[in-house]
N, C-alpha and C. Protein backbone atom coordinates (compact mmCIF):
# COMPACT_ATOMS: atom_id res chain seq x y z
N UNK A 1 64.91 -5.16 -2.08
CA UNK A 1 65.49 -4.88 -3.38
C UNK A 1 66.62 -5.88 -3.63
N UNK A 2 66.58 -6.51 -4.77
CA UNK A 2 67.61 -7.49 -5.08
C UNK A 2 68.92 -6.79 -5.48
N UNK A 3 70.03 -7.52 -5.47
CA UNK A 3 71.33 -6.89 -5.77
C UNK A 3 71.40 -6.21 -7.13
N UNK A 4 70.72 -6.77 -8.12
CA UNK A 4 70.74 -6.17 -9.46
C UNK A 4 70.03 -4.80 -9.43
N UNK A 5 68.90 -4.73 -8.73
CA UNK A 5 68.18 -3.45 -8.61
C UNK A 5 68.99 -2.44 -7.80
N UNK A 6 69.67 -2.93 -6.75
CA UNK A 6 70.51 -2.04 -5.94
C UNK A 6 71.64 -1.44 -6.77
N UNK A 7 72.24 -2.26 -7.60
CA UNK A 7 73.33 -1.79 -8.47
C UNK A 7 72.80 -0.74 -9.45
N UNK A 8 71.61 -1.00 -10.01
CA UNK A 8 71.00 -0.06 -10.95
C UNK A 8 70.70 1.27 -10.25
N UNK A 9 70.13 1.21 -9.05
CA UNK A 9 69.82 2.42 -8.30
C UNK A 9 71.09 3.18 -7.92
N UNK A 10 72.15 2.46 -7.60
CA UNK A 10 73.42 3.10 -7.27
C UNK A 10 73.96 3.86 -8.48
N UNK A 11 73.87 3.23 -9.67
CA UNK A 11 74.34 3.91 -10.90
C UNK A 11 73.49 5.14 -11.20
N UNK A 12 72.19 5.03 -11.01
CA UNK A 12 71.31 6.18 -11.24
C UNK A 12 71.66 7.30 -10.25
N UNK A 13 71.93 6.92 -9.01
CA UNK A 13 72.30 7.94 -8.01
C UNK A 13 73.63 8.61 -8.38
N UNK A 14 74.58 7.81 -8.86
CA UNK A 14 75.86 8.40 -9.31
C UNK A 14 75.63 9.37 -10.47
N UNK A 15 74.79 9.00 -11.42
CA UNK A 15 74.47 9.89 -12.55
C UNK A 15 73.80 11.16 -12.04
N UNK A 16 72.93 11.02 -11.04
CA UNK A 16 72.28 12.17 -10.42
C UNK A 16 73.33 13.12 -9.83
N UNK A 17 74.27 12.57 -9.07
CA UNK A 17 75.31 13.40 -8.46
C UNK A 17 76.17 14.10 -9.51
N UNK A 18 76.55 13.38 -10.56
CA UNK A 18 77.36 13.97 -11.63
C UNK A 18 76.56 15.09 -12.31
N UNK A 19 75.29 14.83 -12.63
CA UNK A 19 74.46 15.84 -13.27
C UNK A 19 74.30 17.09 -12.42
N UNK A 20 74.08 16.90 -11.11
CA UNK A 20 73.92 18.04 -10.21
C UNK A 20 75.23 18.80 -10.09
N UNK A 21 76.34 18.10 -10.01
CA UNK A 21 77.64 18.78 -9.93
C UNK A 21 77.91 19.57 -11.21
N UNK A 22 77.59 19.00 -12.36
CA UNK A 22 77.75 19.74 -13.63
C UNK A 22 76.87 20.98 -13.65
N UNK A 23 75.65 20.86 -13.11
CA UNK A 23 74.78 22.04 -13.01
C UNK A 23 75.42 23.07 -12.08
N UNK A 24 76.09 22.60 -11.03
CA UNK A 24 76.78 23.51 -10.13
C UNK A 24 77.93 24.23 -10.81
N UNK A 25 78.68 23.51 -11.63
CA UNK A 25 79.77 24.13 -12.40
C UNK A 25 79.19 25.18 -13.35
N UNK A 26 78.08 24.83 -14.00
CA UNK A 26 77.40 25.77 -14.89
C UNK A 26 76.96 27.02 -14.13
N UNK A 27 76.43 26.82 -12.93
CA UNK A 27 76.00 27.95 -12.10
C UNK A 27 77.19 28.84 -11.75
N UNK A 28 78.30 28.22 -11.37
CA UNK A 28 79.50 28.99 -11.00
C UNK A 28 80.00 29.81 -12.20
N UNK A 29 80.01 29.19 -13.38
CA UNK A 29 80.44 29.91 -14.59
C UNK A 29 79.50 31.08 -14.90
N UNK A 30 78.20 30.87 -14.75
CA UNK A 30 77.25 31.96 -14.99
C UNK A 30 77.50 33.11 -14.02
N UNK A 31 77.75 32.78 -12.77
CA UNK A 31 78.02 33.83 -11.78
C UNK A 31 79.30 34.57 -12.13
N UNK A 32 80.35 33.84 -12.47
CA UNK A 32 81.63 34.46 -12.83
C UNK A 32 81.46 35.38 -14.05
N UNK A 33 80.82 34.86 -15.10
CA UNK A 33 80.64 35.69 -16.30
C UNK A 33 79.70 36.86 -16.04
N UNK A 34 78.70 36.66 -15.19
CA UNK A 34 77.81 37.76 -14.83
C UNK A 34 78.55 38.87 -14.11
N UNK A 35 79.41 38.49 -13.17
CA UNK A 35 80.21 39.48 -12.45
C UNK A 35 81.17 40.18 -13.40
N UNK A 36 81.81 39.40 -14.28
CA UNK A 36 82.72 40.01 -15.26
C UNK A 36 81.99 41.02 -16.14
N UNK A 37 80.81 40.64 -16.62
CA UNK A 37 80.05 41.58 -17.45
C UNK A 37 79.63 42.82 -16.66
N UNK A 38 79.26 42.61 -15.41
CA UNK A 38 78.79 43.71 -14.58
C UNK A 38 79.89 44.71 -14.28
N UNK A 39 81.10 44.20 -14.06
CA UNK A 39 82.19 45.08 -13.65
C UNK A 39 83.18 45.41 -14.75
N UNK A 40 82.93 44.95 -15.95
CA UNK A 40 83.81 45.29 -17.07
C UNK A 40 82.95 45.85 -18.20
N UNK A 41 82.35 46.98 -17.94
CA UNK A 41 81.47 47.58 -18.92
C UNK A 41 82.22 48.03 -20.18
N UNK A 42 83.51 47.99 -20.15
CA UNK A 42 84.32 48.35 -21.32
C UNK A 42 84.57 47.13 -22.19
N UNK A 43 83.95 46.02 -21.87
CA UNK A 43 84.12 44.77 -22.63
C UNK A 43 83.81 44.98 -24.11
N UNK A 44 82.72 45.66 -24.40
CA UNK A 44 82.33 45.88 -25.79
C UNK A 44 83.38 46.70 -26.53
N UNK A 45 83.94 47.71 -25.84
CA UNK A 45 84.98 48.54 -26.46
C UNK A 45 86.23 47.72 -26.77
N UNK A 46 86.62 46.87 -25.83
CA UNK A 46 87.79 46.01 -26.03
C UNK A 46 87.55 45.05 -27.19
N UNK A 47 86.39 44.41 -27.21
CA UNK A 47 86.06 43.48 -28.28
C UNK A 47 86.03 44.20 -29.64
N UNK A 48 85.46 45.38 -29.67
CA UNK A 48 85.40 46.16 -30.91
C UNK A 48 86.82 46.47 -31.42
N UNK A 49 87.69 46.88 -30.53
CA UNK A 49 89.08 47.20 -30.92
C UNK A 49 89.79 45.96 -31.47
N UNK A 50 89.62 44.83 -30.79
CA UNK A 50 90.26 43.60 -31.26
C UNK A 50 89.73 43.18 -32.62
N UNK A 51 88.42 43.28 -32.79
CA UNK A 51 87.80 42.88 -34.06
C UNK A 51 88.24 43.81 -35.18
N UNK A 52 88.26 45.10 -34.92
CA UNK A 52 88.66 46.06 -35.95
C UNK A 52 90.11 45.83 -36.37
N UNK A 53 90.99 45.55 -35.42
CA UNK A 53 92.38 45.26 -35.76
C UNK A 53 92.48 44.03 -36.64
N UNK A 54 91.71 43.02 -36.31
CA UNK A 54 91.74 41.78 -37.10
C UNK A 54 91.19 42.01 -38.51
N UNK A 55 90.13 42.81 -38.60
CA UNK A 55 89.54 43.10 -39.92
C UNK A 55 90.47 43.93 -40.79
N UNK A 56 91.28 44.80 -40.17
CA UNK A 56 92.26 45.57 -40.93
C UNK A 56 93.29 44.62 -41.53
N UNK A 57 93.73 43.65 -40.73
CA UNK A 57 94.71 42.68 -41.21
C UNK A 57 94.13 41.74 -42.26
N UNK A 58 92.89 41.28 -42.02
CA UNK A 58 92.26 40.33 -42.93
C UNK A 58 90.76 40.61 -43.00
N UNK A 59 90.34 41.41 -44.00
CA UNK A 59 88.92 41.79 -44.12
C UNK A 59 87.98 40.59 -44.33
N UNK A 60 88.52 39.45 -44.74
CA UNK A 60 87.68 38.28 -44.98
C UNK A 60 87.68 37.30 -43.80
N UNK A 61 88.27 37.68 -42.68
CA UNK A 61 88.34 36.80 -41.51
C UNK A 61 86.92 36.46 -41.04
N UNK A 62 86.59 35.18 -41.08
CA UNK A 62 85.25 34.68 -40.76
C UNK A 62 84.83 35.07 -39.34
N UNK A 63 85.67 34.76 -38.36
CA UNK A 63 85.32 35.05 -36.97
C UNK A 63 85.22 36.55 -36.71
N UNK A 64 86.16 37.30 -37.21
CA UNK A 64 86.14 38.74 -36.98
C UNK A 64 84.88 39.38 -37.57
N UNK A 65 84.48 38.93 -38.75
CA UNK A 65 83.26 39.49 -39.36
C UNK A 65 82.03 39.20 -38.49
N UNK A 66 81.97 37.98 -37.94
CA UNK A 66 80.82 37.63 -37.10
C UNK A 66 80.86 38.34 -35.75
N UNK A 67 82.05 38.47 -35.17
CA UNK A 67 82.16 39.21 -33.92
C UNK A 67 81.86 40.69 -34.13
N UNK A 68 82.20 41.20 -35.31
CA UNK A 68 81.90 42.60 -35.62
C UNK A 68 80.40 42.86 -35.57
N UNK A 69 79.62 41.91 -36.04
CA UNK A 69 78.16 42.04 -35.97
C UNK A 69 77.68 42.05 -34.53
N UNK A 70 78.31 41.26 -33.69
CA UNK A 70 77.92 41.16 -32.28
C UNK A 70 78.25 42.44 -31.52
N UNK A 71 79.39 43.05 -31.83
CA UNK A 71 79.82 44.23 -31.06
C UNK A 71 78.83 45.38 -31.17
N UNK A 72 78.06 45.42 -32.23
CA UNK A 72 77.10 46.51 -32.40
C UNK A 72 75.94 46.40 -31.43
N UNK A 73 75.66 45.20 -30.95
CA UNK A 73 74.54 45.06 -30.01
C UNK A 73 75.01 45.06 -28.55
N UNK A 74 76.32 45.11 -28.32
CA UNK A 74 76.84 45.08 -26.95
C UNK A 74 76.87 46.48 -26.34
N UNK A 75 75.71 47.07 -26.20
CA UNK A 75 75.61 48.37 -25.55
C UNK A 75 75.77 48.17 -24.04
N UNK A 76 76.05 49.24 -23.30
CA UNK A 76 76.14 49.11 -21.84
C UNK A 76 74.85 48.54 -21.22
N UNK A 77 73.70 48.91 -21.76
CA UNK A 77 72.43 48.39 -21.25
C UNK A 77 72.33 46.88 -21.51
N UNK A 78 72.75 46.45 -22.70
CA UNK A 78 72.73 45.03 -23.05
C UNK A 78 73.65 44.26 -22.10
N UNK A 79 74.82 44.79 -21.84
CA UNK A 79 75.76 44.14 -20.92
C UNK A 79 75.19 44.07 -19.52
N UNK A 80 74.55 45.16 -19.06
CA UNK A 80 73.99 45.19 -17.72
C UNK A 80 72.90 44.13 -17.57
N UNK A 81 71.98 44.07 -18.54
CA UNK A 81 70.91 43.07 -18.46
C UNK A 81 71.45 41.66 -18.66
N UNK A 82 72.46 41.52 -19.49
CA UNK A 82 73.11 40.22 -19.64
C UNK A 82 73.75 39.77 -18.34
N UNK A 83 74.40 40.71 -17.66
CA UNK A 83 75.02 40.41 -16.37
C UNK A 83 73.96 40.01 -15.34
N UNK A 84 72.87 40.75 -15.28
CA UNK A 84 71.79 40.42 -14.34
C UNK A 84 71.18 39.05 -14.66
N UNK A 85 71.02 38.78 -15.95
CA UNK A 85 70.47 37.49 -16.38
C UNK A 85 71.39 36.36 -15.92
N UNK A 86 72.68 36.47 -16.20
CA UNK A 86 73.63 35.42 -15.82
C UNK A 86 73.72 35.28 -14.30
N UNK A 87 73.78 36.40 -13.60
CA UNK A 87 73.86 36.33 -12.14
C UNK A 87 72.62 35.70 -11.52
N UNK A 88 71.44 36.10 -12.00
CA UNK A 88 70.21 35.54 -11.42
C UNK A 88 70.11 34.04 -11.70
N UNK A 89 70.39 33.63 -12.94
CA UNK A 89 70.39 32.21 -13.28
C UNK A 89 71.40 31.45 -12.43
N UNK A 90 72.61 31.98 -12.36
CA UNK A 90 73.68 31.31 -11.62
C UNK A 90 73.38 31.18 -10.14
N UNK A 91 72.86 32.23 -9.54
CA UNK A 91 72.56 32.20 -8.10
C UNK A 91 71.43 31.22 -7.81
N UNK A 92 70.38 31.25 -8.61
CA UNK A 92 69.26 30.32 -8.42
C UNK A 92 69.75 28.88 -8.56
N UNK A 93 70.51 28.61 -9.64
CA UNK A 93 71.02 27.25 -9.85
C UNK A 93 71.94 26.82 -8.71
N UNK A 94 72.83 27.71 -8.28
CA UNK A 94 73.76 27.37 -7.20
C UNK A 94 73.00 27.03 -5.91
N UNK A 95 71.99 27.80 -5.61
CA UNK A 95 71.17 27.56 -4.42
C UNK A 95 70.46 26.21 -4.51
N UNK A 96 69.91 25.91 -5.67
CA UNK A 96 69.23 24.62 -5.85
C UNK A 96 70.21 23.46 -5.82
N UNK A 97 71.37 23.62 -6.43
CA UNK A 97 72.40 22.57 -6.40
C UNK A 97 72.82 22.30 -4.95
N UNK A 98 73.03 23.35 -4.19
CA UNK A 98 73.37 23.20 -2.78
C UNK A 98 72.29 22.39 -2.06
N UNK A 99 71.02 22.75 -2.29
CA UNK A 99 69.92 22.03 -1.65
C UNK A 99 69.87 20.57 -2.05
N UNK A 100 70.11 20.29 -3.32
CA UNK A 100 70.09 18.90 -3.79
C UNK A 100 71.25 18.10 -3.19
N UNK A 101 72.43 18.68 -3.16
CA UNK A 101 73.59 17.97 -2.62
C UNK A 101 73.46 17.75 -1.11
N UNK A 102 72.75 18.64 -0.43
CA UNK A 102 72.51 18.49 1.01
C UNK A 102 71.24 17.67 1.29
N UNK A 103 70.62 17.17 0.23
CA UNK A 103 69.39 16.35 0.30
C UNK A 103 68.26 17.06 1.03
N UNK A 104 68.12 18.35 0.78
CA UNK A 104 67.01 19.12 1.33
C UNK A 104 65.77 18.78 0.51
N UNK A 105 64.72 18.33 1.15
CA UNK A 105 63.54 17.84 0.44
C UNK A 105 62.89 18.92 -0.43
N UNK A 106 62.94 20.17 0.00
CA UNK A 106 62.34 21.26 -0.77
C UNK A 106 63.06 21.51 -2.09
N UNK A 107 64.35 21.14 -2.14
CA UNK A 107 65.15 21.43 -3.33
C UNK A 107 64.73 20.59 -4.53
N UNK A 108 64.17 19.42 -4.29
CA UNK A 108 63.79 18.53 -5.39
C UNK A 108 62.63 19.11 -6.20
N UNK A 109 61.48 19.40 -5.58
CA UNK A 109 60.40 19.99 -6.39
C UNK A 109 60.75 21.38 -6.94
N UNK A 110 61.52 22.15 -6.17
CA UNK A 110 61.93 23.48 -6.66
C UNK A 110 62.82 23.33 -7.89
N UNK A 111 63.76 22.40 -7.85
CA UNK A 111 64.65 22.17 -9.00
C UNK A 111 63.87 21.67 -10.21
N UNK A 112 62.93 20.79 -9.97
CA UNK A 112 62.10 20.28 -11.06
C UNK A 112 61.34 21.43 -11.72
N UNK A 113 60.73 22.29 -10.90
CA UNK A 113 59.97 23.42 -11.45
C UNK A 113 60.86 24.36 -12.24
N UNK A 114 62.03 24.69 -11.70
CA UNK A 114 62.95 25.62 -12.39
C UNK A 114 63.45 24.99 -13.69
N UNK A 115 63.82 23.71 -13.65
CA UNK A 115 64.30 23.05 -14.87
C UNK A 115 63.21 22.96 -15.93
N UNK A 116 61.97 22.70 -15.53
CA UNK A 116 60.87 22.68 -16.50
C UNK A 116 60.75 24.05 -17.16
N UNK A 117 60.83 25.10 -16.37
CA UNK A 117 60.76 26.46 -16.91
C UNK A 117 61.91 26.70 -17.90
N UNK A 118 63.13 26.32 -17.52
CA UNK A 118 64.29 26.50 -18.41
C UNK A 118 64.12 25.69 -19.70
N UNK A 119 63.64 24.46 -19.59
CA UNK A 119 63.47 23.60 -20.76
C UNK A 119 62.42 24.20 -21.71
N UNK A 120 61.32 24.69 -21.16
CA UNK A 120 60.30 25.32 -22.01
C UNK A 120 60.90 26.52 -22.75
N UNK A 121 61.64 27.35 -22.02
CA UNK A 121 62.28 28.52 -22.65
C UNK A 121 63.26 28.06 -23.73
N UNK A 122 64.06 27.04 -23.42
CA UNK A 122 65.05 26.55 -24.38
C UNK A 122 64.39 25.98 -25.63
N UNK A 123 63.28 25.27 -25.47
CA UNK A 123 62.58 24.71 -26.63
C UNK A 123 62.07 25.85 -27.52
N UNK A 124 61.55 26.89 -26.91
CA UNK A 124 61.10 28.06 -27.69
C UNK A 124 62.28 28.65 -28.46
N UNK A 125 63.43 28.81 -27.78
CA UNK A 125 64.62 29.36 -28.45
C UNK A 125 65.13 28.42 -29.55
N UNK A 126 65.03 27.11 -29.32
CA UNK A 126 65.45 26.15 -30.35
C UNK A 126 64.58 26.30 -31.58
N UNK A 127 63.29 26.47 -31.39
CA UNK A 127 62.38 26.63 -32.54
C UNK A 127 62.69 27.92 -33.30
N UNK A 128 63.19 28.94 -32.60
CA UNK A 128 63.53 30.21 -33.24
C UNK A 128 64.89 30.15 -33.93
N UNK A 129 65.84 29.46 -33.30
CA UNK A 129 67.22 29.52 -33.79
C UNK A 129 67.75 28.23 -34.38
N UNK A 130 67.22 27.09 -33.95
CA UNK A 130 67.75 25.80 -34.40
C UNK A 130 69.13 25.52 -33.84
N UNK A 131 69.47 26.14 -32.73
CA UNK A 131 70.81 26.03 -32.14
C UNK A 131 71.10 24.60 -31.66
N UNK A 132 72.14 24.00 -32.23
CA UNK A 132 72.55 22.65 -31.85
C UNK A 132 73.07 22.61 -30.40
N UNK A 133 73.91 23.57 -29.96
CA UNK A 133 74.34 23.53 -28.56
C UNK A 133 73.15 23.64 -27.59
N UNK A 134 72.16 24.43 -27.95
CA UNK A 134 70.97 24.56 -27.10
C UNK A 134 70.17 23.26 -27.07
N UNK A 135 70.15 22.54 -28.18
CA UNK A 135 69.49 21.23 -28.20
C UNK A 135 70.22 20.29 -27.25
N UNK A 136 71.55 20.29 -27.30
CA UNK A 136 72.34 19.43 -26.40
C UNK A 136 72.10 19.80 -24.94
N UNK A 137 72.07 21.10 -24.64
CA UNK A 137 71.81 21.55 -23.28
C UNK A 137 70.42 21.11 -22.82
N UNK A 138 69.45 21.18 -23.71
CA UNK A 138 68.09 20.79 -23.36
C UNK A 138 68.00 19.29 -23.08
N UNK A 139 68.68 18.49 -23.88
CA UNK A 139 68.71 17.04 -23.63
C UNK A 139 69.36 16.77 -22.27
N UNK A 140 70.46 17.47 -21.99
CA UNK A 140 71.12 17.32 -20.69
C UNK A 140 70.16 17.72 -19.56
N UNK A 141 69.49 18.86 -19.71
CA UNK A 141 68.56 19.33 -18.68
C UNK A 141 67.41 18.34 -18.48
N UNK A 142 66.90 17.76 -19.55
CA UNK A 142 65.84 16.76 -19.43
C UNK A 142 66.33 15.52 -18.69
N UNK A 143 67.57 15.13 -18.95
CA UNK A 143 68.16 13.99 -18.25
C UNK A 143 68.29 14.29 -16.76
N UNK A 144 68.83 15.46 -16.43
CA UNK A 144 68.98 15.86 -15.03
C UNK A 144 67.60 15.98 -14.37
N UNK A 145 66.64 16.49 -15.10
CA UNK A 145 65.27 16.60 -14.59
C UNK A 145 64.73 15.23 -14.19
N UNK A 146 64.92 14.25 -15.08
CA UNK A 146 64.46 12.90 -14.76
C UNK A 146 65.19 12.34 -13.55
N UNK A 147 66.51 12.57 -13.48
CA UNK A 147 67.30 12.08 -12.34
C UNK A 147 66.84 12.70 -11.03
N UNK A 148 66.55 13.99 -11.04
CA UNK A 148 66.06 14.67 -9.83
C UNK A 148 64.71 14.08 -9.43
N UNK A 149 63.83 13.92 -10.40
CA UNK A 149 62.51 13.35 -10.13
C UNK A 149 62.65 11.94 -9.54
N UNK A 150 63.54 11.14 -10.11
CA UNK A 150 63.76 9.78 -9.64
C UNK A 150 64.27 9.78 -8.18
N UNK A 151 65.24 10.62 -7.89
CA UNK A 151 65.78 10.72 -6.53
C UNK A 151 64.71 11.20 -5.55
N UNK A 152 63.93 12.17 -5.98
CA UNK A 152 62.85 12.71 -5.13
C UNK A 152 61.83 11.61 -4.82
N UNK A 153 61.47 10.85 -5.81
CA UNK A 153 60.52 9.75 -5.62
C UNK A 153 61.07 8.73 -4.62
N UNK A 154 62.35 8.40 -4.74
CA UNK A 154 62.97 7.46 -3.80
C UNK A 154 63.00 8.04 -2.38
N UNK A 155 63.35 9.32 -2.27
CA UNK A 155 63.42 9.94 -0.94
C UNK A 155 62.06 9.95 -0.27
N UNK A 156 61.03 10.33 -1.00
CA UNK A 156 59.69 10.39 -0.40
C UNK A 156 59.18 8.98 -0.08
N UNK A 157 59.55 8.02 -0.89
CA UNK A 157 59.16 6.62 -0.65
C UNK A 157 59.81 6.11 0.64
N UNK A 158 61.10 6.43 0.83
CA UNK A 158 61.81 5.99 2.03
C UNK A 158 61.31 6.71 3.29
N UNK A 159 60.87 7.96 3.14
CA UNK A 159 60.35 8.69 4.28
C UNK A 159 59.02 8.13 4.75
N UNK A 160 58.23 7.61 3.81
CA UNK A 160 56.93 7.02 4.17
C UNK A 160 57.08 5.67 4.85
N UNK A 161 58.19 4.95 4.55
CA UNK A 161 58.33 3.62 5.14
C UNK A 161 58.93 3.67 6.52
């Protein structure tokens, strides 16, 4: 490999590490929020009280009106399933990030499969909602997916030689 190709591969590897670390941060946040939802079942009550106070002060408050709509769906069952969803996502992602950072060969195809599943789900949600943040997350996930695939290809190539 010539020096120019080595430099390119080094930059791709750095991008891979940054992407995986960001996925790890995302996993940690999902776990934290999942635990918070699981152990603070009064969250909906607190949010409702805050929103109602704000609406009393300013009935036209944009954020309060929108949060008021959300509080009606925050039942204890919704919070419990939301907590389980966040915890399961976070734990799976954290486990895969650990495997990728430790260069465990099994983590590469497993991460690719999980990210493909997430991307398919996100594309379906984008078609339903048109969510711009979800579009950005999907682009990020596709980039990380390519980086994982690239690293996996290099690892398997080096193992064969």
